């Protein structure tokens, strides 16, 4: 299976729940674009992660870098980041929602990069990590993509920003659990 697409699904589910939509209700176009943007950002992070970690396989198939070379994979990752921002800009969100969305994505991208940087630093000087250090890496590397998806779903529903705090806590726990399960597989 070439990806699970959890992040766009989470964005849509949060929006539907907070907006009071029922199964079968049409999904607004702006939510579709925002959900697609979350997937663009996530796939870009995976392409870059494969390059940084020197991974040769993802989803049981050769990585893009292995198939077509690092420059192509790096360029596609950068393209997907730009495409995600374009989708957000053209989503039709109200200006205040759009500003919140851009801030959420930028914060998530920054946190993910800091987590990846911490992992790369550890890989250069590998020493045993404590459980707390491992969980912190997961919190910074895996949880941001979930947090972005959940919070963007809330933005699409135009709910009060205070609701984003519990979504942040939930995404940290979800990201850690997801990474543990992924590592076990």
N, C-alpha and C. Protein backbone atom coordinates (compact mmCIF):
# COMPACT_ATOMS: atom_id res chain seq x y z
N UNK A 1 0.85 -1.17 0.00
CA UNK A 1 0.00 0.00 0.00
C UNK A 1 0.89 1.23 0.00
N UNK A 2 0.71 2.08 -0.99
CA UNK A 2 1.56 3.26 -1.15
C UNK A 2 1.02 4.44 -0.34
N UNK A 3 1.08 4.33 0.94
CA UNK A 3 0.66 5.42 1.80
C UNK A 3 -0.74 5.20 2.34
N UNK A 4 -0.96 5.73 3.50
CA UNK A 4 -2.23 5.48 4.17
C UNK A 4 -3.19 6.67 4.08
N UNK A 5 -2.65 7.83 3.79
CA UNK A 5 -3.44 9.06 3.63
C UNK A 5 -4.28 9.39 4.87
N UNK A 6 -3.70 9.14 6.04
CA UNK A 6 -4.37 9.44 7.29
C UNK A 6 -4.57 10.93 7.50
N UNK A 7 -3.60 11.72 7.10
CA UNK A 7 -3.64 13.14 7.42
C UNK A 7 -4.79 13.87 6.73
N UNK A 8 -5.01 13.68 5.42
CA UNK A 8 -6.17 14.35 4.83
C UNK A 8 -7.50 13.82 5.39
N UNK A 9 -7.53 12.53 5.69
CA UNK A 9 -8.74 11.96 6.29
C UNK A 9 -9.02 12.62 7.64
N UNK A 10 -7.98 12.81 8.44
CA UNK A 10 -8.17 13.45 9.75
C UNK A 10 -8.65 14.89 9.59
N UNK A 11 -8.09 15.61 8.63
CA UNK A 11 -8.53 17.00 8.41
C UNK A 11 -10.02 17.03 8.07
N UNK A 12 -10.44 16.13 7.18
CA UNK A 12 -11.85 16.07 6.78
C UNK A 12 -12.73 15.66 7.96
N UNK A 13 -12.31 14.67 8.72
CA UNK A 13 -13.12 14.20 9.86
C UNK A 13 -13.28 15.27 10.93
N UNK A 14 -12.20 15.99 11.22
CA UNK A 14 -12.31 17.07 12.21
C UNK A 14 -13.26 18.14 11.69
N UNK A 15 -13.11 18.50 10.43
CA UNK A 15 -14.02 19.52 9.87
C UNK A 15 -15.47 19.04 9.95
N UNK A 16 -15.74 17.82 9.50
CA UNK A 16 -17.11 17.32 9.49
C UNK A 16 -17.69 17.31 10.90
N UNK A 17 -16.89 16.88 11.87
CA UNK A 17 -17.37 16.82 13.25
C UNK A 17 -17.67 18.21 13.79
N UNK A 18 -16.72 19.12 13.63
CA UNK A 18 -16.88 20.46 14.20
C UNK A 18 -17.90 21.31 13.45
N UNK A 19 -18.09 21.02 12.16
CA UNK A 19 -19.06 21.77 11.36
C UNK A 19 -20.46 21.15 11.46
N UNK A 20 -20.55 20.00 12.13
CA UNK A 20 -21.84 19.34 12.28
C UNK A 20 -22.35 18.66 11.03
N UNK A 21 -21.44 18.28 10.14
CA UNK A 21 -21.85 17.58 8.91
C UNK A 21 -22.10 16.11 9.21
N UNK A 22 -23.02 15.53 8.49
CA UNK A 22 -23.33 14.11 8.63
C UNK A 22 -22.80 13.37 7.40
N UNK A 23 -22.69 12.06 7.54
CA UNK A 23 -22.29 11.25 6.38
C UNK A 23 -23.27 11.52 5.25
N UNK A 24 -22.73 11.70 4.09
CA UNK A 24 -23.56 11.99 2.92
C UNK A 24 -23.69 13.46 2.62
N UNK A 25 -23.43 14.33 3.63
CA UNK A 25 -23.44 15.77 3.36
C UNK A 25 -22.27 16.10 2.43
N UNK A 26 -22.48 16.99 1.49
CA UNK A 26 -21.38 17.34 0.59
C UNK A 26 -20.23 18.02 1.34
N UNK A 27 -19.03 17.68 0.93
CA UNK A 27 -17.84 18.27 1.53
C UNK A 27 -17.50 19.55 0.77
N UNK A 28 -17.40 20.68 1.46
CA UNK A 28 -17.09 21.94 0.77
C UNK A 28 -15.74 21.86 0.03
N UNK A 29 -15.67 22.56 -1.08
CA UNK A 29 -14.46 22.56 -1.89
C UNK A 29 -13.24 23.03 -1.15
N UNK A 30 -13.41 24.02 -0.25
CA UNK A 30 -12.24 24.52 0.47
C UNK A 30 -11.65 23.44 1.38
N UNK A 31 -12.49 22.57 1.90
CA UNK A 31 -12.01 21.49 2.77
C UNK A 31 -11.23 20.47 1.94
N UNK A 32 -11.72 20.18 0.75
CA UNK A 32 -11.00 19.26 -0.15
C UNK A 32 -9.60 19.78 -0.46
N UNK A 33 -9.51 21.06 -0.78
CA UNK A 33 -8.19 21.64 -1.12
C UNK A 33 -7.26 21.63 0.09
N UNK A 34 -7.79 21.95 1.25
CA UNK A 34 -6.96 21.95 2.46
C UNK A 34 -6.51 20.53 2.79
N UNK A 35 -7.39 19.56 2.65
CA UNK A 35 -7.01 18.16 2.91
C UNK A 35 -5.93 17.71 1.93
N UNK A 36 -6.06 18.09 0.68
CA UNK A 36 -5.05 17.74 -0.31
C UNK A 36 -3.72 18.43 0.02
N UNK A 37 -3.78 19.66 0.50
CA UNK A 37 -2.56 20.36 0.90
C UNK A 37 -1.85 19.62 2.02
N UNK A 38 -2.60 19.07 2.98
CA UNK A 38 -1.95 18.32 4.07
C UNK A 38 -1.20 17.13 3.53
N UNK A 39 -1.77 16.48 2.51
CA UNK A 39 -1.09 15.33 1.92
C UNK A 39 0.16 15.76 1.15
N UNK A 40 0.08 16.90 0.46
CA UNK A 40 1.27 17.41 -0.24
C UNK A 40 2.40 17.67 0.75
N UNK A 41 2.09 18.34 1.85
CA UNK A 41 3.12 18.63 2.85
C UNK A 41 3.71 17.34 3.41
N UNK A 42 2.84 16.38 3.70
CA UNK A 42 3.32 15.13 4.28
C UNK A 42 4.20 14.36 3.30
N UNK A 43 3.75 14.23 2.06
CA UNK A 43 4.56 13.49 1.07
C UNK A 43 5.89 14.17 0.84
N UNK A 44 5.92 15.50 0.86
CA UNK A 44 7.19 16.22 0.72
C UNK A 44 8.12 15.85 1.87
N UNK A 45 7.57 15.78 3.07
CA UNK A 45 8.42 15.45 4.23
C UNK A 45 8.96 14.03 4.11
N UNK A 46 8.18 13.12 3.53
CA UNK A 46 8.65 11.75 3.36
C UNK A 46 9.76 11.67 2.31
N UNK A 47 9.60 12.39 1.22
CA UNK A 47 10.65 12.42 0.20
C UNK A 47 11.95 12.94 0.79
N UNK A 48 11.87 14.03 1.53
CA UNK A 48 13.07 14.61 2.14
C UNK A 48 13.63 13.69 3.22
N UNK A 49 12.77 13.06 3.99
CA UNK A 49 13.21 12.13 5.04
C UNK A 49 13.98 10.96 4.42
N UNK A 50 13.47 10.41 3.34
CA UNK A 50 14.16 9.31 2.67
C UNK A 50 15.56 9.72 2.23
N UNK A 51 15.68 10.92 1.71
CA UNK A 51 16.99 11.43 1.27
C UNK A 51 17.92 11.59 2.48
N UNK A 52 17.41 12.27 3.51
CA UNK A 52 18.24 12.56 4.69
C UNK A 52 18.68 11.29 5.42
N UNK A 53 17.80 10.31 5.46
CA UNK A 53 18.11 9.07 6.17
C UNK A 53 18.83 8.05 5.28
N UNK A 54 18.93 8.33 3.99
CA UNK A 54 19.56 7.38 3.07
C UNK A 54 18.72 6.14 2.87
N UNK A 55 17.41 6.26 3.04
CA UNK A 55 16.53 5.10 2.86
C UNK A 55 16.44 4.73 1.38
N UNK A 56 16.38 3.44 1.13
CA UNK A 56 16.27 2.97 -0.25
C UNK A 56 14.88 2.45 -0.58
N UNK A 57 14.07 2.21 0.46
CA UNK A 57 12.73 1.68 0.24
C UNK A 57 11.71 2.42 1.09
N UNK A 58 10.53 2.58 0.54
CA UNK A 58 9.37 3.12 1.27
C UNK A 58 8.16 2.38 0.73
N UNK A 59 7.29 1.96 1.63
CA UNK A 59 6.10 1.18 1.25
C UNK A 59 6.49 -0.07 0.46
N UNK A 60 7.67 -0.62 0.75
CA UNK A 60 8.10 -1.85 0.09
C UNK A 60 8.60 -1.67 -1.33
N UNK A 61 8.72 -0.44 -1.78
CA UNK A 61 9.20 -0.16 -3.15
C UNK A 61 10.41 0.78 -3.06
N UNK A 62 11.22 0.80 -4.09
CA UNK A 62 12.37 1.72 -4.08
C UNK A 62 11.90 3.17 -3.94
N UNK A 63 12.65 3.94 -3.16
CA UNK A 63 12.32 5.36 -2.99
C UNK A 63 12.50 6.08 -4.32
N UNK A 64 11.90 7.24 -4.41
CA UNK A 64 12.05 8.06 -5.61
C UNK A 64 13.52 8.41 -5.85
N UNK A 65 14.26 8.69 -4.78
CA UNK A 65 15.67 9.02 -4.91
C UNK A 65 16.45 7.84 -5.49
N UNK A 66 16.09 6.65 -5.07
CA UNK A 66 16.77 5.47 -5.60
C UNK A 66 16.41 5.24 -7.07
N UNK A 67 15.15 5.47 -7.40
CA UNK A 67 14.69 5.24 -8.77
C UNK A 67 15.18 6.30 -9.75
N UNK A 68 15.15 7.56 -9.32
CA UNK A 68 15.40 8.66 -10.27
C UNK A 68 16.51 9.61 -9.85
N UNK A 69 17.10 9.37 -8.70
CA UNK A 69 18.19 10.20 -8.24
C UNK A 69 17.75 11.24 -7.23
N UNK A 70 18.72 11.64 -6.42
CA UNK A 70 18.44 12.59 -5.35
C UNK A 70 17.94 13.94 -5.87
N UNK A 71 18.53 14.51 -6.94
CA UNK A 71 18.03 15.81 -7.38
C UNK A 71 16.54 15.81 -7.75
N UNK A 72 16.08 14.74 -8.41
CA UNK A 72 14.66 14.65 -8.79
C UNK A 72 13.80 14.54 -7.53
N UNK A 73 14.20 13.69 -6.59
CA UNK A 73 13.42 13.50 -5.36
C UNK A 73 13.38 14.79 -4.54
N UNK A 74 14.49 15.46 -4.44
CA UNK A 74 14.55 16.72 -3.69
C UNK A 74 13.67 17.78 -4.36
N UNK A 75 13.75 17.87 -5.67
CA UNK A 75 12.94 18.84 -6.40
C UNK A 75 11.45 18.55 -6.25
N UNK A 76 11.07 17.28 -6.32
CA UNK A 76 9.66 16.94 -6.16
C UNK A 76 9.17 17.26 -4.75
N UNK A 77 10.01 17.00 -3.75
CA UNK A 77 9.63 17.36 -2.38
C UNK A 77 9.40 18.86 -2.25
N UNK A 78 10.32 19.64 -2.82
CA UNK A 78 10.16 21.10 -2.78
C UNK A 78 8.90 21.53 -3.55
N UNK A 79 8.66 20.90 -4.69
CA UNK A 79 7.46 21.20 -5.47
C UNK A 79 6.20 20.95 -4.65
N UNK A 80 6.16 19.80 -3.94
CA UNK A 80 4.98 19.47 -3.15
C UNK A 80 4.74 20.48 -2.03
N UNK A 81 5.80 21.01 -1.45
CA UNK A 81 5.63 22.06 -0.44
C UNK A 81 4.98 23.28 -1.09
N UNK A 82 5.49 23.68 -2.24
CA UNK A 82 4.90 24.81 -2.95
C UNK A 82 3.46 24.54 -3.35
N UNK A 83 3.18 23.33 -3.80
CA UNK A 83 1.82 22.96 -4.19
C UNK A 83 0.88 23.01 -2.99
N UNK A 84 1.35 22.57 -1.84
CA UNK A 84 0.53 22.65 -0.63
C UNK A 84 0.17 24.09 -0.29
N UNK A 85 1.16 24.98 -0.37
CA UNK A 85 0.88 26.39 -0.09
C UNK A 85 -0.04 26.99 -1.16
N UNK A 86 0.12 26.59 -2.42
CA UNK A 86 -0.76 27.08 -3.47
C UNK A 86 -2.20 26.64 -3.20
N UNK A 87 -2.37 25.37 -2.82
CA UNK A 87 -3.72 24.88 -2.52
C UNK A 87 -4.35 25.65 -1.37
N UNK A 88 -3.56 25.93 -0.34
CA UNK A 88 -4.09 26.73 0.78
C UNK A 88 -4.49 28.12 0.31
N UNK A 89 -3.62 28.74 -0.50
CA UNK A 89 -3.89 30.10 -0.97
C UNK A 89 -5.13 30.16 -1.84
N UNK A 90 -5.39 29.09 -2.60
CA UNK A 90 -6.52 29.07 -3.52
C UNK A 90 -7.72 28.30 -2.97
N UNK A 91 -7.68 27.98 -1.68
CA UNK A 91 -8.72 27.14 -1.09
C UNK A 91 -10.07 27.82 -0.96
N UNK A 92 -10.07 29.12 -0.89
CA UNK A 92 -11.32 29.83 -0.67
C UNK A 92 -11.61 30.07 0.80
N UNK A 93 -10.64 29.77 1.67
CA UNK A 93 -10.81 30.11 3.08
C UNK A 93 -10.90 31.62 3.23
N UNK A 94 -11.63 32.06 4.23
CA UNK A 94 -11.69 33.49 4.55
C UNK A 94 -10.29 33.95 4.93
N UNK A 95 -9.98 35.23 4.73
CA UNK A 95 -8.63 35.71 5.02
C UNK A 95 -8.13 35.38 6.43
N UNK A 96 -8.98 35.49 7.44
CA UNK A 96 -8.53 35.17 8.80
C UNK A 96 -8.24 33.68 8.94
N UNK A 97 -9.04 32.84 8.30
CA UNK A 97 -8.80 31.40 8.33
C UNK A 97 -7.51 31.07 7.57
N UNK A 98 -7.31 31.73 6.45
CA UNK A 98 -6.12 31.48 5.64
C UNK A 98 -4.86 31.85 6.42
N UNK A 99 -4.90 32.96 7.12
CA UNK A 99 -3.75 33.36 7.93
C UNK A 99 -3.46 32.32 9.00
N UNK A 100 -4.50 31.83 9.68
CA UNK A 100 -4.32 30.76 10.68
C UNK A 100 -3.74 29.52 10.04
N UNK A 101 -4.24 29.15 8.86
CA UNK A 101 -3.79 27.94 8.18
C UNK A 101 -2.30 28.05 7.83
N UNK A 102 -1.89 29.17 7.27
CA UNK A 102 -0.48 29.35 6.91
C UNK A 102 0.41 29.29 8.15
N UNK A 103 -0.04 29.88 9.24
CA UNK A 103 0.74 29.85 10.48
C UNK A 103 0.86 28.42 11.00
N UNK A 104 -0.23 27.68 10.99
CA UNK A 104 -0.21 26.29 11.47
C UNK A 104 0.76 25.46 10.64
N UNK A 105 0.70 25.59 9.33
CA UNK A 105 1.58 24.81 8.45
C UNK A 105 3.04 25.19 8.67
N UNK A 106 3.32 26.49 8.78
CA UNK A 106 4.70 26.92 9.01
C UNK A 106 5.22 26.40 10.34
N UNK A 107 4.41 26.46 11.39
CA UNK A 107 4.82 25.93 12.70
C UNK A 107 5.09 24.43 12.61
N UNK A 108 4.20 23.71 11.95
CA UNK A 108 4.38 22.27 11.80
C UNK A 108 5.63 21.91 11.03
N UNK A 109 5.87 22.64 9.94
CA UNK A 109 7.06 22.40 9.12
C UNK A 109 8.32 22.66 9.94
N UNK A 110 8.31 23.73 10.68
CA UNK A 110 9.48 24.09 11.51
C UNK A 110 9.73 23.02 12.58
N UNK A 111 8.69 22.59 13.26
CA UNK A 111 8.84 21.57 14.30
C UNK A 111 9.37 20.27 13.71
N UNK A 112 8.80 19.88 12.57
CA UNK A 112 9.25 18.66 11.91
C UNK A 112 10.74 18.75 11.55
N UNK A 113 11.16 19.90 11.02
CA UNK A 113 12.57 20.07 10.65
C UNK A 113 13.48 20.03 11.87
N UNK A 114 13.04 20.59 12.97
CA UNK A 114 13.83 20.53 14.20
C UNK A 114 13.93 19.09 14.70
N UNK A 115 12.85 18.34 14.60
CA UNK A 115 12.88 16.93 14.99
C UNK A 115 13.79 16.13 14.08
N UNK A 116 13.70 16.37 12.78
CA UNK A 116 14.57 15.68 11.83
C UNK A 116 16.02 16.05 12.09
N UNK A 117 16.27 17.33 12.38
CA UNK A 117 17.63 17.78 12.69
C UNK A 117 18.18 17.09 13.93
N UNK A 118 17.33 16.94 14.94
CA UNK A 118 17.77 16.24 16.15
C UNK A 118 18.10 14.78 15.84
N UNK A 119 17.29 14.15 14.99
CA UNK A 119 17.57 12.77 14.63
C UNK A 119 18.86 12.66 13.81
N UNK A 120 19.06 13.58 12.87
CA UNK A 120 20.28 13.56 12.07
C UNK A 120 21.51 13.78 12.95
N UNK A 121 21.40 14.67 13.91
CA UNK A 121 22.50 14.90 14.85
C UNK A 121 22.79 13.64 15.65
N UNK A 122 21.74 12.99 16.12
CA UNK A 122 21.92 11.75 16.87
C UNK A 122 22.57 10.68 15.99
N UNK A 123 22.17 10.60 14.71
CA UNK A 123 22.72 9.58 13.82
C UNK A 123 24.23 9.77 13.61
N UNK A 124 24.70 10.99 13.66
CA UNK A 124 26.14 11.26 13.50
C UNK A 124 26.93 10.86 14.73
N UNK A 125 26.34 10.99 15.88
CA UNK A 125 27.00 10.69 17.14
C UNK A 125 26.13 9.72 17.93
N UNK A 126 25.74 8.63 17.29
CA UNK A 126 24.75 7.75 17.92
C UNK A 126 25.23 7.21 19.26
N UNK A 127 24.34 7.38 20.18
CA UNK A 127 24.51 6.85 21.53
C UNK A 127 23.12 6.43 21.97
N UNK A 128 23.04 5.57 22.96
CA UNK A 128 21.71 5.13 23.39
C UNK A 128 20.84 6.33 23.81
N UNK A 129 19.60 6.29 23.38
CA UNK A 129 18.64 7.32 23.74
C UNK A 129 17.77 6.84 24.90
N UNK A 130 17.40 7.76 25.75
CA UNK A 130 16.46 7.43 26.81
C UNK A 130 15.06 7.35 26.20
N UNK A 131 14.15 6.76 26.91
CA UNK A 131 12.76 6.69 26.44
C UNK A 131 12.22 8.09 26.22
N UNK A 132 12.53 9.00 27.10
CA UNK A 132 12.07 10.38 26.96
C UNK A 132 12.61 11.01 25.69
N UNK A 133 13.88 10.77 25.36
CA UNK A 133 14.46 11.33 24.15
C UNK A 133 13.81 10.75 22.90
N UNK A 134 13.54 9.45 22.92
CA UNK A 134 12.88 8.82 21.77
C UNK A 134 11.48 9.40 21.58
N UNK A 135 10.74 9.52 22.67
CA UNK A 135 9.39 10.07 22.57
C UNK A 135 9.42 11.52 22.11
N UNK A 136 10.42 12.28 22.53
CA UNK A 136 10.55 13.66 22.08
C UNK A 136 10.82 13.72 20.58
N UNK A 137 11.66 12.81 20.08
CA UNK A 137 11.89 12.76 18.63
C UNK A 137 10.58 12.45 17.89
N UNK A 138 9.84 11.49 18.36
CA UNK A 138 8.57 11.15 17.73
C UNK A 138 7.61 12.34 17.78
N UNK A 139 7.59 13.04 18.91
CA UNK A 139 6.71 14.18 19.10
C UNK A 139 7.04 15.29 18.09
N UNK A 140 8.33 15.43 17.79
CA UNK A 140 8.74 16.50 16.88
C UNK A 140 8.78 16.06 15.42
N UNK A 141 8.98 14.77 15.17
CA UNK A 141 9.13 14.30 13.79
C UNK A 141 7.84 13.76 13.19
N UNK A 142 7.05 13.06 13.95
CA UNK A 142 5.87 12.39 13.42
C UNK A 142 4.59 13.15 13.75
N UNK A 143 4.50 13.67 14.95
CA UNK A 143 3.27 14.33 15.38
C UNK A 143 2.92 15.60 14.59
N UNK A 144 3.89 16.39 14.11
CA UNK A 144 3.51 17.62 13.41
C UNK A 144 2.57 17.43 12.22
N UNK A 145 2.75 16.36 11.45
CA UNK A 145 1.87 16.15 10.30
C UNK A 145 0.44 15.87 10.75
N UNK A 146 0.29 15.14 11.86
CA UNK A 146 -1.05 14.91 12.41
C UNK A 146 -1.62 16.22 12.96
N UNK A 147 -0.78 16.98 13.66
CA UNK A 147 -1.25 18.24 14.24
C UNK A 147 -1.72 19.20 13.16
N UNK A 148 -0.95 19.33 12.10
CA UNK A 148 -1.34 20.21 11.01
C UNK A 148 -2.69 19.78 10.45
N UNK A 149 -2.86 18.49 10.20
CA UNK A 149 -4.12 18.00 9.64
C UNK A 149 -5.30 18.29 10.57
N UNK A 150 -5.14 17.97 11.84
CA UNK A 150 -6.23 18.18 12.80
C UNK A 150 -6.58 19.66 12.94
N UNK A 151 -5.56 20.48 13.08
CA UNK A 151 -5.81 21.91 13.27
C UNK A 151 -6.37 22.55 12.00
N UNK A 152 -5.92 22.11 10.83
CA UNK A 152 -6.49 22.66 9.59
C UNK A 152 -7.95 22.28 9.44
N UNK A 153 -8.31 21.07 9.87
CA UNK A 153 -9.72 20.69 9.87
C UNK A 153 -10.55 21.63 10.73
N UNK A 154 -9.99 22.01 11.88
CA UNK A 154 -10.68 22.95 12.77
C UNK A 154 -10.78 24.34 12.14
N UNK A 155 -9.72 24.76 11.47
CA UNK A 155 -9.74 26.06 10.79
C UNK A 155 -10.83 26.07 9.72
N UNK A 156 -10.93 24.98 8.96
CA UNK A 156 -11.96 24.89 7.91
C UNK A 156 -13.36 25.00 8.50
N UNK A 157 -13.55 24.49 9.72
CA UNK A 157 -14.85 24.57 10.39
C UNK A 157 -15.06 25.94 11.04
N UNK A 158 -14.02 26.77 10.99
CA UNK A 158 -14.06 28.14 11.54
C UNK A 158 -14.46 28.16 13.01
N UNK A 159 -13.85 27.26 13.78
CA UNK A 159 -14.11 27.22 15.22
C UNK A 159 -13.09 28.09 15.95
N UNK A 160 -13.38 28.36 17.19
CA UNK A 160 -12.51 29.18 18.01
C UNK A 160 -11.12 28.55 18.12
N UNK A 161 -10.10 29.39 18.06
CA UNK A 161 -8.71 28.91 18.14
C UNK A 161 -8.43 28.13 19.42
N UNK A 162 -9.17 28.38 20.49
CA UNK A 162 -8.95 27.68 21.75
C UNK A 162 -9.14 26.17 21.59
N UNK A 163 -9.93 25.75 20.61
CA UNK A 163 -10.15 24.33 20.39
C UNK A 163 -8.91 23.65 19.83
N UNK A 164 -8.00 24.41 19.28
CA UNK A 164 -6.80 23.83 18.69
C UNK A 164 -5.87 23.23 19.75
N UNK A 165 -5.90 23.74 20.98
CA UNK A 165 -5.00 23.23 22.03
C UNK A 165 -5.25 21.76 22.34
N UNK A 166 -6.50 21.31 22.53
CA UNK A 166 -6.70 19.88 22.74
C UNK A 166 -6.30 19.05 21.51
N UNK A 167 -6.48 19.62 20.33
CA UNK A 167 -6.07 18.92 19.11
C UNK A 167 -4.54 18.76 19.07
N UNK A 168 -3.83 19.77 19.58
CA UNK A 168 -2.37 19.67 19.65
C UNK A 168 -1.95 18.55 20.59
N UNK A 169 -2.59 18.46 21.75
CA UNK A 169 -2.26 17.40 22.71
C UNK A 169 -2.58 16.02 22.13
N UNK A 170 -3.74 15.92 21.49
CA UNK A 170 -4.13 14.65 20.89
C UNK A 170 -3.14 14.26 19.78
N UNK A 171 -2.75 15.22 18.96
CA UNK A 171 -1.85 14.89 17.86
C UNK A 171 -0.49 14.44 18.37
N UNK A 172 -0.03 14.98 19.48
CA UNK A 172 1.25 14.52 20.05
C UNK A 172 1.14 13.05 20.44
N UNK A 173 0.05 12.70 21.11
CA UNK A 173 -0.14 11.30 21.51
C UNK A 173 -0.33 10.41 20.28
N UNK A 174 -1.09 10.87 19.32
CA UNK A 174 -1.32 10.10 18.09
C UNK A 174 -0.02 9.90 17.32
N UNK A 175 0.78 10.95 17.20
CA UNK A 175 2.05 10.84 16.48
C UNK A 175 3.00 9.85 17.13
N UNK A 176 3.07 9.89 18.44
CA UNK A 176 3.94 8.96 19.17
C UNK A 176 3.44 7.53 18.98
N UNK A 177 2.15 7.32 19.15
CA UNK A 177 1.57 5.97 18.98
C UNK A 177 1.77 5.47 17.56
N UNK A 178 1.55 6.34 16.60
CA UNK A 178 1.70 5.95 15.19
C UNK A 178 3.14 5.54 14.90
N UNK A 179 4.11 6.32 15.39
CA UNK A 179 5.52 6.02 15.12
C UNK A 179 5.94 4.72 15.80
N UNK A 180 5.46 4.49 17.00
CA UNK A 180 5.78 3.22 17.68
C UNK A 180 5.24 2.05 16.87
N UNK A 181 3.98 2.15 16.44
CA UNK A 181 3.37 1.09 15.63
C UNK A 181 4.14 0.92 14.32
N UNK A 182 4.50 2.00 13.66
CA UNK A 182 5.23 1.94 12.41
C UNK A 182 6.59 1.28 12.59
N UNK A 183 7.27 1.62 13.65
CA UNK A 183 8.59 1.02 13.92
C UNK A 183 8.46 -0.47 14.22
N UNK A 184 7.39 -0.85 14.92
CA UNK A 184 7.19 -2.27 15.21
C UNK A 184 6.92 -3.07 13.93
N UNK A 185 6.22 -2.45 12.99
CA UNK A 185 5.96 -3.14 11.72
C UNK A 185 7.23 -3.27 10.92
